[in-house]
């Protein structure tokens, strides 16, 4: 079950609540009783570790150096292989 962070706009009370995704959002502040208790947007609490697809496909790292393109288009410059 996800943990949602709520904050009251009236009194500033803030608390995390463990709720099912199907549960209705809370709107009554447990501290002052006002109907201004709203969900906050917060960062996800997980981190990818290990040597799985994330590390091998998306993590970044060094990219192979590519030679500069041939200036003449004929393969006659020193960085090109003549065809």
PDB file of N, CA and C in Angstrom:
ATOM      1  N   UNK A   1       0.846  -1.190   0.000  1.00  0.00           N
ATOM      2  CA  UNK A   1       0.000   0.000   0.000  1.00  0.00           C
ATOM      3  C   UNK A   1       0.884   1.243   0.000  1.00  0.00           C
ATOM      4  N   UNK A   2       0.511   2.223  -0.807  1.00  0.00           N
ATOM      5  CA  UNK A   2       1.302   3.459  -0.848  1.00  0.00           C
ATOM      6  C   UNK A   2       1.102   4.335   0.383  1.00  0.00           C
ATOM      7  N   UNK A   3       2.103   5.147   0.634  1.00  0.00           N
ATOM      8  CA  UNK A   3       2.043   6.124   1.726  1.00  0.00           C
ATOM      9  C   UNK A   3       1.820   7.493   1.091  1.00  0.00           C
ATOM     10  N   UNK A   4       0.772   8.172   1.503  1.00  0.00           N
ATOM     11  CA  UNK A   4       0.445   9.493   0.983  1.00  0.00           C
ATOM     12  C   UNK A   4       0.728  10.540   2.054  1.00  0.00           C
ATOM     13  N   UNK A   5       1.237  11.660   1.627  1.00  0.00           N
ATOM     14  CA  UNK A   5       1.527  12.763   2.534  1.00  0.00           C
ATOM     15  C   UNK A   5       0.416  13.803   2.398  1.00  0.00           C
ATOM     16  N   UNK A   6      -0.146  14.213   3.520  1.00  0.00           N
ATOM     17  CA  UNK A   6      -1.232  15.192   3.548  1.00  0.00           C
ATOM     18  C   UNK A   6      -0.800  16.424   4.330  1.00  0.00           C
ATOM     19  N   UNK A   7      -1.400  17.566   3.989  1.00  0.00           N
ATOM     20  CA  UNK A   7      -1.138  18.807   4.718  1.00  0.00           C
ATOM     21  C   UNK A   7      -2.430  19.616   4.786  1.00  0.00           C
ATOM     22  N   UNK A   8      -2.666  20.218   5.956  1.00  0.00           N
ATOM     23  CA  UNK A   8      -3.843  21.059   6.157  1.00  0.00           C
ATOM     24  C   UNK A   8      -3.484  22.500   5.793  1.00  0.00           C
ATOM     25  N   UNK A   9      -4.282  23.110   4.910  1.00  0.00           N
ATOM     26  CA  UNK A   9      -4.052  24.501   4.526  1.00  0.00           C
ATOM     27  C   UNK A   9      -4.451  25.472   5.632  1.00  0.00           C
ATOM     28  N   UNK A  10      -5.339  25.060   6.527  1.00  0.00           N
ATOM     29  CA  UNK A  10      -5.791  25.946   7.606  1.00  0.00           C
ATOM     30  C   UNK A  10      -4.780  26.063   8.744  1.00  0.00           C
ATOM     31  N   UNK A  11      -4.339  24.925   9.280  1.00  0.00           N
ATOM     32  CA  UNK A  11      -3.460  24.962  10.457  1.00  0.00           C
ATOM     33  C   UNK A  11      -2.024  24.549  10.162  1.00  0.00           C
ATOM     34  N   UNK A  12      -1.750  24.009   8.972  1.00  0.00           N
ATOM     35  CA  UNK A  12      -0.399  23.609   8.612  1.00  0.00           C
ATOM     36  C   UNK A  12       0.006  22.225   9.090  1.00  0.00           C
ATOM     37  N   UNK A  13      -0.919  21.481   9.713  1.00  0.00           N
ATOM     38  CA  UNK A  13      -0.633  20.126  10.183  1.00  0.00           C
ATOM     39  C   UNK A  13      -0.268  19.240   8.993  1.00  0.00           C
ATOM     40  N   UNK A  14       0.763  18.401   9.168  1.00  0.00           N
ATOM     41  CA  UNK A  14       1.243  17.547   8.099  1.00  0.00           C
ATOM     42  C   UNK A  14       1.445  16.139   8.631  1.00  0.00           C
ATOM     43  N   UNK A  15       1.011  15.121   7.861  1.00  0.00           N
ATOM     44  CA  UNK A  15       1.139  13.742   8.302  1.00  0.00           C
ATOM     45  C   UNK A  15       1.109  12.808   7.103  1.00  0.00           C
ATOM     46  N   UNK A  16       1.763  11.647   7.238  1.00  0.00           N
ATOM     47  CA  UNK A  16       1.719  10.606   6.214  1.00  0.00           C
ATOM     48  C   UNK A  16       0.661   9.582   6.596  1.00  0.00           C
ATOM     49  N   UNK A  17      -0.076   9.084   5.591  1.00  0.00           N
ATOM     50  CA  UNK A  17      -1.122   8.087   5.819  1.00  0.00           C
ATOM     51  C   UNK A  17      -0.918   6.917   4.868  1.00  0.00           C
ATOM     52  N   UNK A  18      -1.024   5.704   5.405  1.00  0.00           N
ATOM     53  CA  UNK A  18      -0.949   4.484   4.624  1.00  0.00           C
ATOM     54  C   UNK A  18      -2.357   4.174   4.133  1.00  0.00           C
ATOM     55  N   UNK A  19      -2.565   4.222   2.810  1.00  0.00           N
ATOM     56  CA  UNK A  19      -3.890   4.013   2.240  1.00  0.00           C
ATOM     57  C   UNK A  19      -3.820   3.104   1.027  1.00  0.00           C
ATOM     58  N   UNK A  20      -4.917   2.429   0.743  1.00  0.00           N
ATOM     59  CA  UNK A  20      -5.040   1.697  -0.508  1.00  0.00           C
ATOM     60  C   UNK A  20      -5.224   2.708  -1.626  1.00  0.00           C
ATOM     61  N   UNK A  21      -4.846   2.321  -2.834  1.00  0.00           N
ATOM     62  CA  UNK A  21      -5.027   3.218  -3.976  1.00  0.00           C
ATOM     63  C   UNK A  21      -6.508   3.460  -4.253  1.00  0.00           C
ATOM     64  N   UNK A  22      -7.344   2.516  -3.887  1.00  0.00           N
ATOM     65  CA  UNK A  22      -8.777   2.641  -4.130  1.00  0.00           C
ATOM     66  C   UNK A  22      -9.506   3.449  -3.052  1.00  0.00           C
ATOM     67  N   UNK A  23      -8.833   3.752  -1.929  1.00  0.00           N
ATOM     68  CA  UNK A  23      -9.458   4.542  -0.858  1.00  0.00           C
ATOM     69  C   UNK A  23      -9.693   5.977  -1.315  1.00  0.00           C
ATOM     70  N   UNK A  24     -10.763   6.554  -0.823  1.00  0.00           N
ATOM     71  CA  UNK A  24     -11.061   7.961  -1.117  1.00  0.00           C
ATOM     72  C   UNK A  24     -10.040   8.850  -0.401  1.00  0.00           C
ATOM     73  N   UNK A  25      -9.652   9.964  -1.017  1.00  0.00           N
ATOM     74  CA  UNK A  25      -8.704  10.871  -0.365  1.00  0.00           C
ATOM     75  C   UNK A  25      -9.292  11.461   0.920  1.00  0.00           C
ATOM     76  N   UNK A  26      -8.430  11.679   1.899  1.00  0.00           N
ATOM     77  CA  UNK A  26      -8.868  12.302   3.145  1.00  0.00           C
ATOM     78  C   UNK A  26      -9.039  13.799   2.905  1.00  0.00           C
ATOM     79  N   UNK A  27     -10.016  14.410   3.571  1.00  0.00           N
ATOM     80  CA  UNK A  27     -10.190  15.861   3.414  1.00  0.00           C
ATOM     81  C   UNK A  27     -10.420  16.573   4.743  1.00  0.00           C
ATOM     82  N   UNK A  28     -10.659  15.817   5.821  1.00  0.00           N
ATOM     83  CA  UNK A  28     -10.866  16.410   7.137  1.00  0.00           C
ATOM     84  C   UNK A  28      -9.574  16.317   7.949  1.00  0.00           C
ATOM     85  N   UNK A  29      -9.068  17.452   8.396  1.00  0.00           N
ATOM     86  CA  UNK A  29      -7.823  17.502   9.164  1.00  0.00           C
ATOM     87  C   UNK A  29      -8.022  16.864  10.541  1.00  0.00           C
ATOM     88  N   UNK A  30      -7.154  15.901  10.922  1.00  0.00           N
ATOM     89  CA  UNK A  30      -7.289  15.278  12.239  1.00  0.00           C
ATOM     90  C   UNK A  30      -6.894  16.220  13.386  1.00  0.00           C
ATOM     91  N   UNK A  31      -6.188  17.300  13.104  1.00  0.00           N
ATOM     92  CA  UNK A  31      -5.748  18.227  14.131  1.00  0.00           C
ATOM     93  C   UNK A  31      -6.791  19.304  14.424  1.00  0.00           C
ATOM     94  N   UNK A  32      -7.290  19.988  13.375  1.00  0.00           N
ATOM     95  CA  UNK A  32      -8.213  21.109  13.602  1.00  0.00           C
ATOM     96  C   UNK A  32      -9.644  20.828  13.132  1.00  0.00           C
ATOM     97  N   UNK A  33      -9.845  19.747  12.372  1.00  0.00           N
ATOM     98  CA  UNK A  33     -11.189  19.376  11.934  1.00  0.00           C
ATOM     99  C   UNK A  33     -11.674  20.102  10.679  1.00  0.00           C
ATOM    100  N   UNK A  34     -10.889  21.008  10.130  1.00  0.00           N
ATOM    101  CA  UNK A  34     -11.285  21.740   8.923  1.00  0.00           C
ATOM    102  C   UNK A  34     -11.243  20.811   7.703  1.00  0.00           C
ATOM    103  N   UNK A  35     -11.998  21.174   6.688  1.00  0.00           N
ATOM    104  CA  UNK A  35     -12.063  20.383   5.457  1.00  0.00           C
ATOM    105  C   UNK A  35     -11.018  20.856   4.439  1.00  0.00           C
ATOM    106  N   UNK A  36      -9.823  21.159   4.893  1.00  0.00           N
ATOM    107  CA  UNK A  36      -8.772  21.660   4.008  1.00  0.00           C
ATOM    108  C   UNK A  36      -7.527  20.768   4.033  1.00  0.00           C
ATOM    109  N   UNK A  37      -7.719  19.486   4.282  1.00  0.00           N
ATOM    110  CA  UNK A  37      -6.651  18.494   4.324  1.00  0.00           C
ATOM    111  C   UNK A  37      -6.464  17.966   2.911  1.00  0.00           C
ATOM    112  N   UNK A  38      -5.293  18.130   2.318  1.00  0.00           N
ATOM    113  CA  UNK A  38      -5.091  17.754   0.919  1.00  0.00           C
ATOM    114  C   UNK A  38      -3.803  16.957   0.741  1.00  0.00           C
ATOM    115  N   UNK A  39      -3.794  16.070  -0.273  1.00  0.00           N
ATOM    116  CA  UNK A  39      -2.604  15.296  -0.610  1.00  0.00           C
ATOM    117  C   UNK A  39      -1.523  16.217  -1.141  1.00  0.00           C
ATOM    118  N   UNK A  40      -0.282  15.883  -0.791  1.00  0.00           N
ATOM    119  CA  UNK A  40       0.871  16.630  -1.279  1.00  0.00           C
ATOM    120  C   UNK A  40       1.596  15.798  -2.327  1.00  0.00           C
ATOM    121  N   UNK A  41       2.267  16.468  -3.237  1.00  0.00           N
ATOM    122  CA  UNK A  41       3.078  15.801  -4.230  1.00  0.00           C
ATOM    123  C   UNK A  41       4.466  15.606  -3.634  1.00  0.00           C
ATOM    124  N   UNK A  42       4.937  14.363  -3.563  1.00  0.00           N
ATOM    125  CA  UNK A  42       6.242  14.102  -2.967  1.00  0.00           C
ATOM    126  C   UNK A  42       7.012  13.106  -3.830  1.00  0.00           C
ATOM    127  N   UNK A  43       8.298  12.992  -3.592  1.00  0.00           N
ATOM    128  CA  UNK A  43       9.174  12.114  -4.365  1.00  0.00           C
ATOM    129  C   UNK A  43       8.899  10.648  -4.044  1.00  0.00           C
ATOM    130  N   UNK A  44       9.122   9.815  -5.036  1.00  0.00           N
ATOM    131  CA  UNK A  44       8.967   8.371  -4.837  1.00  0.00           C
ATOM    132  C   UNK A  44      10.088   7.859  -3.943  1.00  0.00           C
ATOM    133  N   UNK A  45       9.792   6.890  -3.125  1.00  0.00           N
ATOM    134  CA  UNK A  45      10.769   6.382  -2.170  1.00  0.00           C
ATOM    135  C   UNK A  45      11.382   5.059  -2.567  1.00  0.00           C
ATOM    136  N   UNK A  46      12.013   4.984  -3.749  1.00  0.00           N
ATOM    137  CA  UNK A  46      12.708   3.762  -4.114  1.00  0.00           C
ATOM    138  C   UNK A  46      13.981   4.114  -4.876  1.00  0.00           C
ATOM    139  N   UNK A  47      14.907   3.166  -4.910  1.00  0.00           N
ATOM    140  CA  UNK A  47      16.171   3.375  -5.593  1.00  0.00           C
ATOM    141  C   UNK A  47      16.532   2.091  -6.314  1.00  0.00           C
ATOM    142  N   UNK A  48      16.938   2.219  -7.574  1.00  0.00           N
ATOM    143  CA  UNK A  48      17.329   1.051  -8.347  1.00  0.00           C
ATOM    144  C   UNK A  48      18.791   0.729  -8.058  1.00  0.00           C
ATOM    145  N   UNK A  49      19.063  -0.527  -7.687  1.00  0.00           N
ATOM    146  CA  UNK A  49      20.418  -0.964  -7.373  1.00  0.00           C
ATOM    147  C   UNK A  49      20.705  -2.270  -8.094  1.00  0.00           C
ATOM    148  N   UNK A  50      21.965  -2.617  -8.167  1.00  0.00           N
ATOM    149  CA  UNK A  50      22.347  -3.894  -8.742  1.00  0.00           C
ATOM    150  C   UNK A  50      22.815  -3.769 -10.181  1.00  0.00           C
ATOM    151  N   UNK A  51      22.879  -4.902 -10.862  1.00  0.00           N
ATOM    152  CA  UNK A  51      23.409  -4.933 -12.223  1.00  0.00           C
ATOM    153  C   UNK A  51      22.341  -5.339 -13.229  1.00  0.00           C
ATOM    154  N   UNK A  52      21.114  -4.982 -12.988  1.00  0.00           N
ATOM    155  CA  UNK A  52      20.018  -5.345 -13.884  1.00  0.00           C
ATOM    156  C   UNK A  52      19.918  -4.434 -15.083  1.00  0.00           C
ATOM    157  N   UNK A  53      18.760  -4.404 -15.704  1.00  0.00           N
ATOM    158  CA  UNK A  53      18.545  -3.640 -16.936  1.00  0.00           C
ATOM    159  C   UNK A  53      18.846  -2.162 -16.768  1.00  0.00           C
ATOM    160  N   UNK A  54      18.589  -1.595 -15.578  1.00  0.00           N
ATOM    161  CA  UNK A  54      18.839  -0.173 -15.364  1.00  0.00           C
ATOM    162  C   UNK A  54      20.331   0.151 -15.502  1.00  0.00           C
ATOM    163  N   UNK A  55      21.173  -0.643 -14.890  1.00  0.00           N
ATOM    164  CA  UNK A  55      22.609  -0.378 -14.915  1.00  0.00           C
ATOM    165  C   UNK A  55      23.204  -0.616 -16.297  1.00  0.00           C
ATOM    166  N   UNK A  56      22.688  -1.590 -17.014  1.00  0.00           N
ATOM    167  CA  UNK A  56      23.278  -1.916 -18.310  1.00  0.00           C
ATOM    168  C   UNK A  56      22.688  -1.118 -19.459  1.00  0.00           C
ATOM    169  N   UNK A  57      21.445  -0.693 -19.372  1.00  0.00           N
ATOM    170  CA  UNK A  57      20.793  -0.041 -20.507  1.00  0.00           C
ATOM    171  C   UNK A  57      20.570   1.453 -20.357  1.00  0.00           C
ATOM    172  N   UNK A  58      20.375   1.951 -19.141  1.00  0.00           N
ATOM    173  CA  UNK A  58      19.955   3.337 -18.977  1.00  0.00           C
ATOM    174  C   UNK A  58      20.821   4.176 -18.045  1.00  0.00           C
ATOM    175  N   UNK A  59      21.769   3.616 -17.392  1.00  0.00           N
ATOM    176  CA  UNK A  59      22.501   4.342 -16.354  1.00  0.00           C
ATOM    177  C   UNK A  59      23.500   5.353 -16.920  1.00  0.00           C
ATOM    178  N   UNK A  60      23.819   5.291 -18.174  1.00  0.00           N
ATOM    179  CA  UNK A  60      24.788   6.224 -18.741  1.00  0.00           C
ATOM    180  C   UNK A  60      26.135   5.557 -18.846  1.00  0.00           C
ATOM    181  N   UNK A  61      27.180   6.320 -18.671  1.00  0.00           N
ATOM    182  CA  UNK A  61      28.518   5.769 -18.771  1.00  0.00           C
ATOM    183  C   UNK A  61      29.206   6.284 -20.016  1.00  0.00           C
ATOM    184  N   UNK A  62      30.327   5.679 -20.348  1.00  0.00           N
ATOM    185  CA  UNK A  62      31.085   6.158 -21.501  1.00  0.00           C
ATOM    186  C   UNK A  62      30.471   5.638 -22.789  1.00  0.00           C
ATOM    187  N   UNK A  63      30.481   6.503 -23.783  1.00  0.00           N
ATOM    188  CA  UNK A  63      29.968   6.142 -25.099  1.00  0.00           C
ATOM    189  C   UNK A  63      31.167   5.984 -26.028  1.00  0.00           C
ATOM    190  N   UNK A  64      31.111   5.078 -27.000  1.00  0.00           N
ATOM    191  CA  UNK A  64      32.246   4.899 -27.901  1.00  0.00           C
ATOM    192  C   UNK A  64      32.482   6.166 -28.723  1.00  0.00           C
ATOM    193  N   UNK A  65      33.743   6.510 -28.876  1.00  0.00           N
ATOM    194  CA  UNK A  65      34.086   7.701 -29.651  1.00  0.00           C
ATOM    195  C   UNK A  65      33.878   7.416 -31.128  1.00  0.00           C
ATOM    196  N   UNK A  66      33.245   8.334 -31.820  1.00  0.00           N
ATOM    197  CA  UNK A  66      33.028   8.185 -33.258  1.00  0.00           C
ATOM    198  C   UNK A  66      33.970   9.125 -33.984  1.00  0.00           C
ATOM    199  N   UNK A  67      34.562   8.654 -35.069  1.00  0.00           N
ATOM    200  CA  UNK A  67      35.475   9.518 -35.808  1.00  0.00           C
ATOM    201  C   UNK A  67      34.714  10.653 -36.481  1.00  0.00           C
ATOM    202  N   UNK A  68      35.363  11.776 -36.701  1.00  0.00           N
ATOM    203  CA  UNK A  68      34.679  12.877 -37.363  1.00  0.00           C
ATOM    204  C   UNK A  68      34.324  12.500 -38.802  1.00  0.00           C
ATOM    205  N   UNK A  69      33.283  13.100 -39.357  1.00  0.00           N
ATOM    206  CA  UNK A  69      32.908  12.757 -40.727  1.00  0.00           C
ATOM    207  C   UNK A  69      33.958  13.268 -41.720  1.00  0.00           C
ATOM    208  N   UNK A  70      34.024  12.634 -42.836  1.00  0.00           N
ATOM    209  CA  UNK A  70      34.966  13.014 -43.882  1.00  0.00           C
ATOM    210  C   UNK A  70      34.568  14.373 -44.455  1.00  0.00           C
ATOM    211  N   UNK A  71      35.533  15.275 -44.568  1.00  0.00           N
ATOM    212  CA  UNK A  71      35.259  16.622 -45.070  1.00  0.00           C
ATOM    213  C   UNK A  71      35.002  16.635 -46.571  1.00  0.00           C
ATOM    214  N   UNK A  72      35.660  15.770 -47.295  1.00  0.00           N
ATOM    215  CA  UNK A  72      35.522  15.787 -48.759  1.00  0.00           C
ATOM    216  C   UNK A  72      34.432  14.856 -49.247  1.00  0.00           C
ATOM    217  N   UNK A  73      34.057  13.872 -48.437  1.00  0.00           N
ATOM    218  CA  UNK A  73      33.041  12.910 -48.844  1.00  0.00           C
ATOM    219  C   UNK A  73      33.595  11.806 -49.724  1.00  0.00           C
ATOM    220  N   UNK A  74      34.917  11.804 -49.943  1.00  0.00           N
ATOM    221  CA  UNK A  74      35.535  10.815 -50.829  1.00  0.00           C
ATOM    222  C   UNK A  74      36.304   9.751 -50.057  1.00  0.00           C
ATOM    223  N   UNK A  75      36.419   9.879 -48.749  1.00  0.00           N
ATOM    224  CA  UNK A  75      37.180   8.918 -47.975  1.00  0.00           C
ATOM    225  C   UNK A  75      38.677   9.147 -48.063  1.00  0.00           C
ATOM    226  N   UNK A  76      39.063  10.381 -48.388  1.00  0.00           N
ATOM    227  CA  UNK A  76      40.490  10.657 -48.571  1.00  0.00           C
ATOM    228  C   UNK A  76      41.136  11.330 -47.362  1.00  0.00           C
ATOM    229  N   UNK A  77      40.387  11.705 -46.357  1.00  0.00           N
ATOM    230  CA  UNK A  77      40.998  12.337 -45.188  1.00  0.00           C
ATOM    231  C   UNK A  77      41.608  11.263 -44.282  1.00  0.00           C
ATOM    232  N   UNK A  78      42.448  11.677 -43.348  1.00  0.00           N
ATOM    233  CA  UNK A  78      43.215  10.715 -42.540  1.00  0.00           C
ATOM    234  C   UNK A  78      42.336   9.913 -41.588  1.00  0.00           C
ATOM    235  N   UNK A  79      41.134  10.418 -41.219  1.00  0.00           N
ATOM    236  CA  UNK A  79      40.286   9.680 -40.284  1.00  0.00           C
ATOM    237  C   UNK A  79      39.337   8.721 -40.996  1.00  0.00           C
ATOM    238  N   UNK A  80      39.286   8.754 -42.315  1.00  0.00           N
ATOM    239  CA  UNK A  80      38.373   7.881 -43.062  1.00  0.00           C
ATOM    240  C   UNK A  80      39.108   6.663 -43.592  1.00  0.00           C
ATOM    241  N   UNK A  81      38.352   5.633 -43.787  1.00  0.00           N
ATOM    242  CA  UNK A  81      38.888   4.431 -44.420  1.00  0.00           C
ATOM    243  C   UNK A  81      38.446   4.493 -45.884  1.00  0.00           C
ATOM    244  N   UNK A  82      39.374   4.427 -46.785  1.00  0.00           N
ATOM    245  CA  UNK A  82      39.021   4.513 -48.210  1.00  0.00           C
ATOM    246  C   UNK A  82      38.209   3.298 -48.609  1.00  0.00           C
ATOM    247  N   UNK A  83      37.150   3.542 -49.383  1.00  0.00           N
ATOM    248  CA  UNK A  83      36.302   2.427 -49.789  1.00  0.00           C
ATOM    249  C   UNK A  83      36.574   2.006 -51.199  1.00  0.00           C
TER     250      UNK A  83
END
